[in-house]
Amino acid sequence: MNRLLALLPCLVLGLAVLAPATAGAVGTTAPAGGTEAVPARAAARQLQPALEERVLELTNEQRAAHGCRALKASKPLRRAARRHTTAMADAGQMSHQLPGEDRFSTRITRAGYRGWSLVAENIARGFSSPEAVMSAWMNSPSHRKNILNCRLRELGVGVVLRDDQLWWTQDFGVR
């Protein structure tokens, strides 16, 4: 929680999923030591933009260290990421396509990200900070591949708190 509060002052790539080991899904990763306590929902909503911005910063640090140019923040991709993160948290299920939900490529386009040639998505839940989720994503080959794809140019991040657990989405694209 202290780390959270310190933050206050036409091709689709492989989709990657990260979840706590308790979910029992194949190829998932749990945060070290289990899920940590996170602030109340109202505090999390106030922190949402700072958490999302920090994920963008950390993503760009990784990209710079590996020779890729920085991603620019995209409002339509952020809209898509937030909507999908909220839908996953409301359903209590991690998936790139929830029952009754549009395909990933359609979600991105309907959120206003038009004319794209390449998009990708990373999702996760149960990580209590941007640093924790980024560390997990970087230690997962499929997530790392999306983060370090130098062809991608824009990023939208969505973060939602439900039942003392943070849900995360990164939506990447290039037009």
N, C-alpha and C. Protein backbone atom coordinates (compact mmCIF):
# COMPACT_ATOMS: atom_id res chain seq x y z
N MET A 1 0.83 -1.19 0.00
CA MET A 1 0.00 0.00 0.00
C MET A 1 0.87 1.25 0.00
N ASN A 2 1.99 1.23 0.72
CA ASN A 2 2.87 2.39 0.75
C ASN A 2 3.38 2.72 -0.64
N ARG A 3 3.69 1.68 -1.43
CA ARG A 3 4.14 1.93 -2.79
C ARG A 3 3.04 2.57 -3.61
N LEU A 4 1.79 2.18 -3.40
CA LEU A 4 0.68 2.79 -4.12
C LEU A 4 0.52 4.25 -3.72
N LEU A 5 0.58 4.54 -2.44
CA LEU A 5 0.41 5.90 -1.97
C LEU A 5 1.56 6.80 -2.40
N ALA A 6 2.75 6.23 -2.61
CA ALA A 6 3.89 7.01 -3.06
C ALA A 6 3.69 7.54 -4.48
N LEU A 7 2.77 6.98 -5.21
CA LEU A 7 2.51 7.40 -6.58
C LEU A 7 1.64 8.64 -6.69
N LEU A 8 1.05 9.06 -5.57
CA LEU A 8 0.14 10.21 -5.65
C LEU A 8 0.80 11.45 -6.21
N PRO A 9 2.16 12.14 -5.17
CA PRO A 9 2.70 13.47 -5.66
C PRO A 9 2.90 13.18 -7.20
N CYS A 10 -3.49 -5.04 -40.15
CA CYS A 10 -4.52 -5.50 -39.44
C CYS A 10 -4.27 -6.92 -39.01
N LEU A 11 -3.30 -6.92 -37.97
CA LEU A 11 -2.76 -8.14 -37.41
C LEU A 11 -2.89 -8.02 -35.92
N VAL A 12 -3.30 -9.06 -35.25
CA VAL A 12 -3.40 -9.05 -33.80
C VAL A 12 -2.29 -9.94 -33.27
N LEU A 13 -1.47 -9.38 -32.38
CA LEU A 13 -0.41 -10.16 -31.75
C LEU A 13 -0.98 -11.11 -30.74
N GLY A 14 -0.15 -12.03 -30.29
CA GLY A 14 -0.55 -12.94 -29.23
C GLY A 14 -1.00 -12.18 -28.00
N LEU A 15 -2.04 -12.66 -27.39
CA LEU A 15 -2.57 -12.05 -26.18
C LEU A 15 -2.00 -12.80 -25.00
N ALA A 16 -1.64 -12.09 -23.95
CA ALA A 16 -0.98 -12.73 -22.82
C ALA A 16 -1.77 -12.49 -21.54
N VAL A 17 -1.82 -13.50 -20.68
CA VAL A 17 -2.60 -13.47 -19.45
C VAL A 17 -1.69 -13.77 -18.27
N LEU A 18 -1.87 -13.04 -17.18
CA LEU A 18 -1.12 -13.29 -15.95
C LEU A 18 -2.09 -13.26 -14.79
N ALA A 19 -2.07 -14.29 -13.95
CA ALA A 19 -2.99 -14.36 -12.82
C ALA A 19 -2.32 -15.05 -11.65
N PRO A 20 -2.87 -14.88 -10.46
CA PRO A 20 -2.33 -15.60 -9.31
C PRO A 20 -2.43 -17.10 -9.52
N ALA A 21 -1.50 -17.82 -8.94
CA ALA A 21 -1.48 -19.28 -9.07
C ALA A 21 -2.76 -19.91 -8.53
N THR A 22 -3.44 -19.24 -7.62
CA THR A 22 -4.65 -19.79 -7.05
C THR A 22 -5.76 -19.93 -8.07
N ALA A 23 -5.63 -19.24 -9.20
CA ALA A 23 -6.63 -19.36 -10.25
C ALA A 23 -6.55 -20.72 -10.94
N GLY A 24 -5.40 -21.39 -10.82
CA GLY A 24 -5.25 -22.72 -11.37
C GLY A 24 -5.10 -22.78 -12.88
N ALA A 25 -4.88 -21.66 -13.54
CA ALA A 25 -4.75 -21.68 -14.98
C ALA A 25 -3.31 -22.02 -15.39
N VAL A 26 -3.16 -22.66 -16.51
CA VAL A 26 -1.85 -23.01 -17.03
C VAL A 26 -1.14 -21.74 -17.48
N GLY A 27 0.16 -21.64 -17.21
CA GLY A 27 0.95 -20.51 -17.68
C GLY A 27 0.67 -19.22 -16.94
N THR A 28 0.22 -19.30 -15.71
CA THR A 28 -0.04 -18.09 -14.95
C THR A 28 1.05 -17.90 -13.91
N THR A 29 1.16 -16.71 -13.40
CA THR A 29 2.17 -16.36 -12.41
C THR A 29 1.51 -15.66 -11.25
N ALA A 30 1.95 -15.96 -10.03
CA ALA A 30 1.40 -15.32 -8.85
C ALA A 30 2.40 -14.30 -8.32
N PRO A 31 1.93 -13.24 -7.68
CA PRO A 31 2.83 -12.31 -7.05
C PRO A 31 3.55 -13.01 -5.90
N ALA A 32 4.82 -12.66 -5.69
CA ALA A 32 5.59 -13.25 -4.60
C ALA A 32 4.89 -12.99 -3.27
N GLY A 33 4.75 -14.00 -2.47
CA GLY A 33 4.14 -13.83 -1.16
C GLY A 33 2.63 -13.71 -1.20
N GLY A 34 2.00 -13.95 -2.34
CA GLY A 34 0.54 -13.85 -2.41
C GLY A 34 0.08 -12.44 -2.71
N THR A 35 -1.21 -12.25 -2.74
CA THR A 35 -1.80 -10.94 -3.02
C THR A 35 -1.66 -10.06 -1.79
N GLU A 36 -1.15 -8.84 -1.99
CA GLU A 36 -0.98 -7.89 -0.90
C GLU A 36 -2.25 -7.06 -0.75
N ALA A 37 -2.43 -6.49 0.44
CA ALA A 37 -3.57 -5.60 0.67
C ALA A 37 -3.42 -4.35 -0.17
N VAL A 38 -4.53 -3.84 -0.68
CA VAL A 38 -4.53 -2.62 -1.47
C VAL A 38 -5.52 -1.65 -0.84
N PRO A 39 -5.43 -0.36 -1.19
CA PRO A 39 -6.30 0.63 -0.57
C PRO A 39 -7.77 0.41 -0.93
N ALA A 40 -8.63 1.10 -0.23
CA ALA A 40 -10.07 1.02 -0.47
C ALA A 40 -10.38 1.44 -1.90
N ARG A 41 -11.54 1.02 -2.39
CA ARG A 41 -11.93 1.27 -3.77
C ARG A 41 -11.88 2.76 -4.13
N ALA A 42 -12.37 3.62 -3.26
CA ALA A 42 -12.36 5.06 -3.55
C ALA A 42 -10.94 5.58 -3.70
N ALA A 43 -10.06 5.16 -2.83
CA ALA A 43 -8.66 5.57 -2.92
C ALA A 43 -8.04 5.03 -4.20
N ALA A 44 -8.40 3.81 -4.58
CA ALA A 44 -7.86 3.22 -5.80
C ALA A 44 -8.31 4.01 -7.03
N ARG A 45 -9.58 4.46 -7.04
CA ARG A 45 -10.06 5.26 -8.18
C ARG A 45 -9.26 6.55 -8.29
N GLN A 46 -8.91 7.13 -7.15
CA GLN A 46 -8.10 8.35 -7.18
C GLN A 46 -6.69 8.04 -7.67
N LEU A 47 -6.21 6.85 -7.36
CA LEU A 47 -4.87 6.45 -7.76
C LEU A 47 -4.81 5.92 -9.19
N GLN A 48 -5.96 5.57 -9.77
CA GLN A 48 -6.00 4.92 -11.07
C GLN A 48 -5.12 5.61 -12.12
N PRO A 49 -5.26 6.92 -12.34
CA PRO A 49 -4.42 7.55 -13.37
C PRO A 49 -2.93 7.46 -13.05
N ALA A 50 -2.57 7.58 -11.79
CA ALA A 50 -1.15 7.49 -11.41
C ALA A 50 -0.62 6.08 -11.61
N LEU A 51 -1.42 5.08 -11.27
CA LEU A 51 -1.00 3.69 -11.48
C LEU A 51 -0.83 3.41 -12.98
N GLU A 52 -1.77 3.87 -13.77
CA GLU A 52 -1.70 3.66 -15.22
C GLU A 52 -0.49 4.37 -15.82
N GLU A 53 -0.25 5.59 -15.39
CA GLU A 53 0.91 6.35 -15.89
C GLU A 53 2.21 5.65 -15.50
N ARG A 54 2.26 5.13 -14.29
CA ARG A 54 3.47 4.45 -13.83
C ARG A 54 3.75 3.19 -14.66
N VAL A 55 2.71 2.46 -15.04
CA VAL A 55 2.90 1.29 -15.90
C VAL A 55 3.48 1.73 -17.25
N LEU A 56 2.99 2.83 -17.80
CA LEU A 56 3.54 3.36 -19.06
C LEU A 56 5.01 3.71 -18.88
N GLU A 57 5.35 4.39 -17.78
CA GLU A 57 6.75 4.75 -17.52
C GLU A 57 7.64 3.52 -17.42
N LEU A 58 7.20 2.53 -16.65
CA LEU A 58 7.98 1.32 -16.48
C LEU A 58 8.11 0.54 -17.78
N THR A 59 7.04 0.53 -18.57
CA THR A 59 7.09 -0.12 -19.88
C THR A 59 8.12 0.56 -20.76
N ASN A 60 8.13 1.88 -20.77
CA ASN A 60 9.09 2.61 -21.59
C ASN A 60 10.52 2.45 -21.09
N GLU A 61 10.72 2.29 -19.80
CA GLU A 61 12.06 2.01 -19.27
C GLU A 61 12.57 0.68 -19.81
N GLN A 62 11.70 -0.32 -19.81
CA GLN A 62 12.08 -1.63 -20.34
C GLN A 62 12.38 -1.56 -21.83
N ARG A 63 11.53 -0.84 -22.55
CA ARG A 63 11.74 -0.72 -23.99
C ARG A 63 13.05 0.00 -24.29
N ALA A 64 13.35 1.07 -23.58
CA ALA A 64 14.59 1.80 -23.80
C ALA A 64 15.81 0.91 -23.52
N ALA A 65 15.72 0.11 -22.47
CA ALA A 65 16.82 -0.78 -22.11
C ALA A 65 17.05 -1.87 -23.16
N HIS A 66 16.06 -2.10 -24.01
CA HIS A 66 16.15 -3.14 -25.04
C HIS A 66 16.14 -2.56 -26.46
N GLY A 67 16.38 -1.26 -26.58
CA GLY A 67 16.54 -0.65 -27.89
C GLY A 67 15.27 -0.26 -28.63
N CYS A 68 14.14 -0.24 -27.95
CA CYS A 68 12.87 0.17 -28.58
C CYS A 68 12.56 1.62 -28.22
N ARG A 69 11.88 2.29 -29.10
CA ARG A 69 11.47 3.66 -28.80
C ARG A 69 10.30 3.64 -27.80
N ALA A 70 10.15 4.75 -27.10
CA ALA A 70 9.10 4.87 -26.09
C ALA A 70 7.71 4.82 -26.73
N LEU A 71 6.78 4.23 -26.01
CA LEU A 71 5.38 4.23 -26.42
C LEU A 71 4.75 5.54 -26.01
N LYS A 72 3.82 6.03 -26.82
CA LYS A 72 3.05 7.23 -26.48
C LYS A 72 1.73 6.78 -25.87
N ALA A 73 1.25 7.56 -24.92
CA ALA A 73 -0.06 7.29 -24.32
C ALA A 73 -1.14 7.51 -25.37
N SER A 74 -2.10 6.60 -25.41
CA SER A 74 -3.22 6.69 -26.35
C SER A 74 -4.52 6.69 -25.58
N LYS A 75 -5.31 7.74 -25.76
CA LYS A 75 -6.61 7.81 -25.09
C LYS A 75 -7.55 6.70 -25.53
N PRO A 76 -7.67 6.42 -26.84
CA PRO A 76 -8.56 5.31 -27.23
C PRO A 76 -8.10 3.96 -26.68
N LEU A 77 -6.80 3.70 -26.68
CA LEU A 77 -6.31 2.44 -26.12
C LEU A 77 -6.53 2.40 -24.61
N ARG A 78 -6.37 3.53 -23.93
CA ARG A 78 -6.65 3.57 -22.48
C ARG A 78 -8.14 3.30 -22.24
N ARG A 79 -8.99 3.88 -23.06
CA ARG A 79 -10.43 3.65 -22.93
C ARG A 79 -10.73 2.16 -23.09
N ALA A 80 -10.14 1.53 -24.10
CA ALA A 80 -10.35 0.10 -24.33
C ALA A 80 -9.82 -0.72 -23.16
N ALA A 81 -8.64 -0.37 -22.67
CA ALA A 81 -8.03 -1.10 -21.55
C ALA A 81 -8.85 -0.96 -20.28
N ARG A 82 -9.31 0.25 -20.00
CA ARG A 82 -10.13 0.46 -18.79
C ARG A 82 -11.45 -0.31 -18.88
N ARG A 83 -12.09 -0.24 -20.03
CA ARG A 83 -13.37 -0.94 -20.20
C ARG A 83 -13.20 -2.45 -20.01
N HIS A 84 -12.14 -2.98 -20.61
CA HIS A 84 -11.92 -4.42 -20.51
C HIS A 84 -11.53 -4.83 -19.08
N THR A 85 -10.70 -4.02 -18.45
CA THR A 85 -10.31 -4.30 -17.07
C THR A 85 -11.52 -4.30 -16.16
N THR A 86 -12.40 -3.33 -16.33
CA THR A 86 -13.63 -3.25 -15.54
C THR A 86 -14.50 -4.47 -15.80
N ALA A 87 -14.64 -4.86 -17.06
CA ALA A 87 -15.46 -6.03 -17.40
C ALA A 87 -14.91 -7.30 -16.76
N MET A 88 -13.58 -7.47 -16.79
CA MET A 88 -12.97 -8.65 -16.17
C MET A 88 -13.21 -8.64 -14.66
N ALA A 89 -12.97 -7.49 -14.03
CA ALA A 89 -13.14 -7.39 -12.57
C ALA A 89 -14.60 -7.63 -12.18
N ASP A 90 -15.54 -7.06 -12.93
CA ASP A 90 -16.96 -7.27 -12.65
C ASP A 90 -17.35 -8.74 -12.78
N ALA A 91 -16.76 -9.42 -13.77
CA ALA A 91 -17.06 -10.83 -14.00
C ALA A 91 -16.26 -11.74 -13.07
N GLY A 92 -15.22 -11.20 -12.46
CA GLY A 92 -14.35 -12.02 -11.62
C GLY A 92 -13.59 -13.05 -12.44
N GLN A 93 -13.31 -12.71 -13.69
CA GLN A 93 -12.69 -13.65 -14.61
C GLN A 93 -11.70 -12.93 -15.51
N MET A 94 -10.52 -13.51 -15.67
CA MET A 94 -9.55 -12.95 -16.60
C MET A 94 -9.66 -13.65 -17.94
N SER A 95 -9.82 -12.86 -18.99
CA SER A 95 -9.91 -13.41 -20.33
C SER A 95 -9.75 -12.27 -21.32
N HIS A 96 -9.20 -12.58 -22.48
CA HIS A 96 -9.13 -11.57 -23.54
C HIS A 96 -10.47 -11.42 -24.24
N GLN A 97 -11.37 -12.37 -24.03
CA GLN A 97 -12.73 -12.25 -24.56
C GLN A 97 -13.68 -12.92 -23.58
N LEU A 98 -14.35 -12.11 -22.80
CA LEU A 98 -15.33 -12.61 -21.84
C LEU A 98 -16.60 -13.05 -22.57
N PRO A 99 -17.40 -13.91 -21.96
CA PRO A 99 -18.66 -14.32 -22.59
C PRO A 99 -19.51 -13.09 -22.94
N GLY A 100 -19.96 -13.03 -24.17
CA GLY A 100 -20.79 -11.92 -24.62
C GLY A 100 -20.02 -10.67 -25.01
N GLU A 101 -18.72 -10.69 -24.87
CA GLU A 101 -17.89 -9.52 -25.17
C GLU A 101 -17.35 -9.63 -26.60
N ASP A 102 -17.13 -8.47 -27.22
CA ASP A 102 -16.53 -8.43 -28.55
C ASP A 102 -15.11 -8.97 -28.52
N ARG A 103 -14.63 -9.43 -29.68
CA ARG A 103 -13.24 -9.84 -29.82
C ARG A 103 -12.34 -8.65 -29.51
N PHE A 104 -11.10 -8.94 -29.15
CA PHE A 104 -10.11 -7.91 -28.81
C PHE A 104 -10.00 -6.85 -29.90
N SER A 105 -9.84 -7.26 -31.15
CA SER A 105 -9.67 -6.30 -32.24
C SER A 105 -10.89 -5.39 -32.39
N THR A 106 -12.08 -5.93 -32.18
CA THR A 106 -13.30 -5.13 -32.25
C THR A 106 -13.38 -4.16 -31.07
N ARG A 107 -13.02 -4.63 -29.87
CA ARG A 107 -13.02 -3.75 -28.68
C ARG A 107 -12.12 -2.53 -28.90
N ILE A 108 -10.94 -2.77 -29.44
CA ILE A 108 -9.97 -1.69 -29.67
C ILE A 108 -10.55 -0.68 -30.66
N THR A 109 -11.10 -1.18 -31.75
CA THR A 109 -11.65 -0.30 -32.78
C THR A 109 -12.86 0.48 -32.25
N ARG A 110 -13.75 -0.19 -31.54
CA ARG A 110 -14.94 0.49 -30.99
C ARG A 110 -14.59 1.55 -29.95
N ALA A 111 -13.43 1.40 -29.31
CA ALA A 111 -12.99 2.40 -28.33
C ALA A 111 -12.40 3.63 -29.02
N GLY A 112 -12.32 3.59 -30.37
CA GLY A 112 -11.84 4.74 -31.12
C GLY A 112 -10.44 4.60 -31.67
N TYR A 113 -9.81 3.45 -31.50
CA TYR A 113 -8.47 3.24 -32.05
C TYR A 113 -8.63 2.64 -33.44
N ARG A 114 -8.72 3.53 -34.43
CA ARG A 114 -9.02 3.13 -35.80
C ARG A 114 -7.77 3.19 -36.68
N GLY A 115 -7.79 2.41 -37.74
CA GLY A 115 -6.70 2.44 -38.70
C GLY A 115 -5.44 1.75 -38.21
N TRP A 116 -5.59 0.90 -37.24
CA TRP A 116 -4.40 0.21 -36.70
C TRP A 116 -3.96 -0.91 -37.63
N SER A 117 -2.66 -1.23 -37.55
CA SER A 117 -2.12 -2.34 -38.33
C SER A 117 -1.64 -3.48 -37.44
N LEU A 118 -1.44 -3.19 -36.16
CA LEU A 118 -0.97 -4.21 -35.22
C LEU A 118 -1.41 -3.81 -33.82
N VAL A 119 -1.98 -4.74 -33.08
CA VAL A 119 -2.38 -4.50 -31.69
C VAL A 119 -2.00 -5.72 -30.85
N ALA A 120 -1.85 -5.51 -29.55
CA ALA A 120 -1.52 -6.59 -28.63
C ALA A 120 -2.09 -6.24 -27.27
N GLU A 121 -2.25 -7.24 -26.41
CA GLU A 121 -2.83 -7.01 -25.09
C GLU A 121 -2.18 -7.91 -24.05
N ASN A 122 -1.87 -7.34 -22.88
CA ASN A 122 -1.45 -8.08 -21.70
C ASN A 122 -2.49 -7.84 -20.62
N ILE A 123 -2.84 -8.89 -19.87
CA ILE A 123 -3.75 -8.74 -18.74
C ILE A 123 -3.15 -9.45 -17.53
N ALA A 124 -3.56 -8.99 -16.35
CA ALA A 124 -3.08 -9.60 -15.10
C ALA A 124 -4.03 -9.23 -13.98
N ARG A 125 -3.91 -9.94 -12.86
CA ARG A 125 -4.65 -9.57 -11.66
C ARG A 125 -3.85 -10.00 -10.45
N GLY A 126 -4.12 -9.32 -9.32
CA GLY A 126 -3.52 -9.73 -8.07
C GLY A 126 -2.18 -9.14 -7.75
N PHE A 127 -1.66 -8.26 -8.58
CA PHE A 127 -0.37 -7.62 -8.32
C PHE A 127 -0.64 -6.24 -7.73
N SER A 128 0.00 -5.93 -6.62
CA SER A 128 -0.37 -4.76 -5.83
C SER A 128 0.28 -3.46 -6.25
N SER A 129 1.12 -3.48 -7.26
CA SER A 129 1.77 -2.23 -7.69
C SER A 129 2.16 -2.34 -9.15
N PRO A 130 2.39 -1.20 -9.80
CA PRO A 130 2.89 -1.24 -11.17
C PRO A 130 4.22 -1.99 -11.27
N GLU A 131 5.09 -1.81 -10.28
CA GLU A 131 6.37 -2.49 -10.30
C GLU A 131 6.19 -4.01 -10.25
N ALA A 132 5.27 -4.47 -9.42
CA ALA A 132 5.03 -5.91 -9.28
C ALA A 132 4.46 -6.51 -10.57
N VAL A 133 3.47 -5.85 -11.16
CA VAL A 133 2.88 -6.41 -12.38
C VAL A 133 3.88 -6.33 -13.54
N MET A 134 4.66 -5.27 -13.63
CA MET A 134 5.65 -5.16 -14.70
C MET A 134 6.74 -6.23 -14.55
N SER A 135 7.16 -6.47 -13.32
CA SER A 135 8.16 -7.52 -13.08
C SER A 135 7.62 -8.88 -13.54
N ALA A 136 6.38 -9.16 -13.20
CA ALA A 136 5.77 -10.43 -13.60
C ALA A 136 5.64 -10.51 -15.12
N TRP A 137 5.16 -9.43 -15.75
CA TRP A 137 5.04 -9.43 -17.20
C TRP A 137 6.39 -9.62 -17.88
N MET A 138 7.43 -8.98 -17.37
CA MET A 138 8.75 -9.11 -17.97
C MET A 138 9.34 -10.50 -17.77
N ASN A 139 8.89 -11.22 -16.76
CA ASN A 139 9.36 -12.59 -16.52
C ASN A 139 8.51 -13.64 -17.21
N SER A 140 7.54 -13.21 -18.00
CA SER A 140 6.67 -14.10 -18.77
C SER A 140 6.98 -13.89 -20.26
N PRO A 141 7.43 -14.92 -20.97
CA PRO A 141 7.83 -14.73 -22.37
C PRO A 141 6.77 -14.07 -23.26
N SER A 142 5.50 -14.45 -23.13
CA SER A 142 4.49 -13.88 -24.02
C SER A 142 4.21 -12.41 -23.69
N HIS A 143 4.21 -12.05 -22.40
CA HIS A 143 4.00 -10.65 -22.02
C HIS A 143 5.20 -9.80 -22.43
N ARG A 144 6.37 -10.33 -22.16
CA ARG A 144 7.62 -9.64 -22.50
C ARG A 144 7.67 -9.35 -24.00
N LYS A 145 7.25 -10.33 -24.80
CA LYS A 145 7.24 -10.16 -26.26
C LYS A 145 6.39 -8.96 -26.67
N ASN A 146 5.23 -8.81 -26.05
CA ASN A 146 4.38 -7.65 -26.36
C ASN A 146 5.04 -6.35 -25.93
N ILE A 147 5.58 -6.32 -24.71
CA ILE A 147 6.21 -5.10 -24.18
C ILE A 147 7.39 -4.67 -25.03
N LEU A 148 8.19 -5.64 -25.49
CA LEU A 148 9.42 -5.33 -26.22
C LEU A 148 9.27 -5.41 -27.74
N ASN A 149 8.03 -5.41 -28.23
CA ASN A 149 7.82 -5.38 -29.67
C ASN A 149 8.04 -3.95 -30.15
N CYS A 150 9.18 -3.72 -30.79
CA CYS A 150 9.56 -2.37 -31.20
C CYS A 150 8.67 -1.79 -32.30
N ARG A 151 7.85 -2.63 -32.94
CA ARG A 151 6.92 -2.12 -33.96
C ARG A 151 5.75 -1.37 -33.33
N LEU A 152 5.40 -1.70 -32.09
CA LEU A 152 4.28 -1.05 -31.42
C LEU A 152 4.67 0.36 -31.02
N ARG A 153 3.74 1.30 -31.09
CA ARG A 153 4.04 2.72 -30.86
C ARG A 153 3.20 3.40 -29.79
N GLU A 154 2.04 2.81 -29.43
CA GLU A 154 1.14 3.46 -28.48
C GLU A 154 0.68 2.46 -27.43
N LEU A 155 0.29 3.00 -26.26
CA LEU A 155 -0.15 2.15 -25.16
C LEU A 155 -1.28 2.80 -24.40
N GLY A 156 -2.24 1.98 -24.01
CA GLY A 156 -3.30 2.37 -23.08
C GLY A 156 -3.28 1.37 -21.94
N VAL A 157 -3.37 1.86 -20.72
CA VAL A 157 -3.34 1.01 -19.54
C VAL A 157 -4.63 1.19 -18.77
N GLY A 158 -5.18 0.09 -18.28
CA GLY A 158 -6.36 0.13 -17.42
C GLY A 158 -6.08 -0.59 -16.12
N VAL A 159 -6.48 0.02 -15.01
CA VAL A 159 -6.32 -0.58 -13.67
C VAL A 159 -7.64 -0.43 -12.93
N VAL A 160 -8.10 -1.51 -12.30
CA VAL A 160 -9.35 -1.50 -11.54
C VAL A 160 -9.15 -2.29 -10.26
N LEU A 161 -9.72 -1.82 -9.16
CA LEU A 161 -9.70 -2.54 -7.89
C LEU A 161 -11.06 -3.18 -7.64
N ARG A 162 -11.07 -4.49 -7.37
CA ARG A 162 -12.28 -5.21 -6.97
C ARG A 162 -11.90 -6.21 -5.90
N ASP A 163 -12.65 -6.23 -4.82
CA ASP A 163 -12.45 -7.21 -3.76
C ASP A 163 -10.99 -7.28 -3.31
N ASP A 164 -10.42 -6.11 -3.05
CA ASP A 164 -9.04 -6.00 -2.57
C ASP A 164 -8.01 -6.58 -3.53
N GLN A 165 -8.32 -6.56 -4.82
CA GLN A 165 -7.40 -7.07 -5.82
C GLN A 165 -7.37 -6.12 -7.01
N LEU A 166 -6.17 -5.80 -7.47
CA LEU A 166 -6.04 -4.96 -8.65
C LEU A 166 -6.03 -5.83 -9.91
N TRP A 167 -6.75 -5.34 -10.92
CA TRP A 167 -6.81 -5.97 -12.24
C TRP A 167 -6.12 -5.02 -13.20
N TRP A 168 -5.35 -5.56 -14.15
CA TRP A 168 -4.49 -4.76 -15.02
C TRP A 168 -4.68 -5.15 -16.48
N THR A 169 -4.67 -4.15 -17.37
CA THR A 169 -4.67 -4.40 -18.82
C THR A 169 -3.72 -3.42 -19.48
N GLN A 170 -2.92 -3.92 -20.41
CA GLN A 170 -2.11 -3.09 -21.32
C GLN A 170 -2.63 -3.38 -22.72
N ASP A 171 -3.06 -2.32 -23.44
CA ASP A 171 -3.43 -2.45 -24.83
C ASP A 171 -2.42 -1.65 -25.66
N PHE A 172 -1.74 -2.33 -26.56
CA PHE A 172 -0.70 -1.76 -27.42
C PHE A 172 -1.22 -1.63 -28.84
N GLY A 173 -0.67 -0.68 -29.59
CA GLY A 173 -1.04 -0.57 -30.99
C GLY A 173 -0.08 0.26 -31.81
N VAL A 174 -0.25 0.16 -33.10
CA VAL A 174 0.46 1.01 -34.07
C VAL A 174 -0.50 1.27 -35.22
N ARG A 175 -0.52 2.52 -35.68
CA ARG A 175 -1.36 2.89 -36.82
C ARG A 175 -0.46 3.33 -37.96
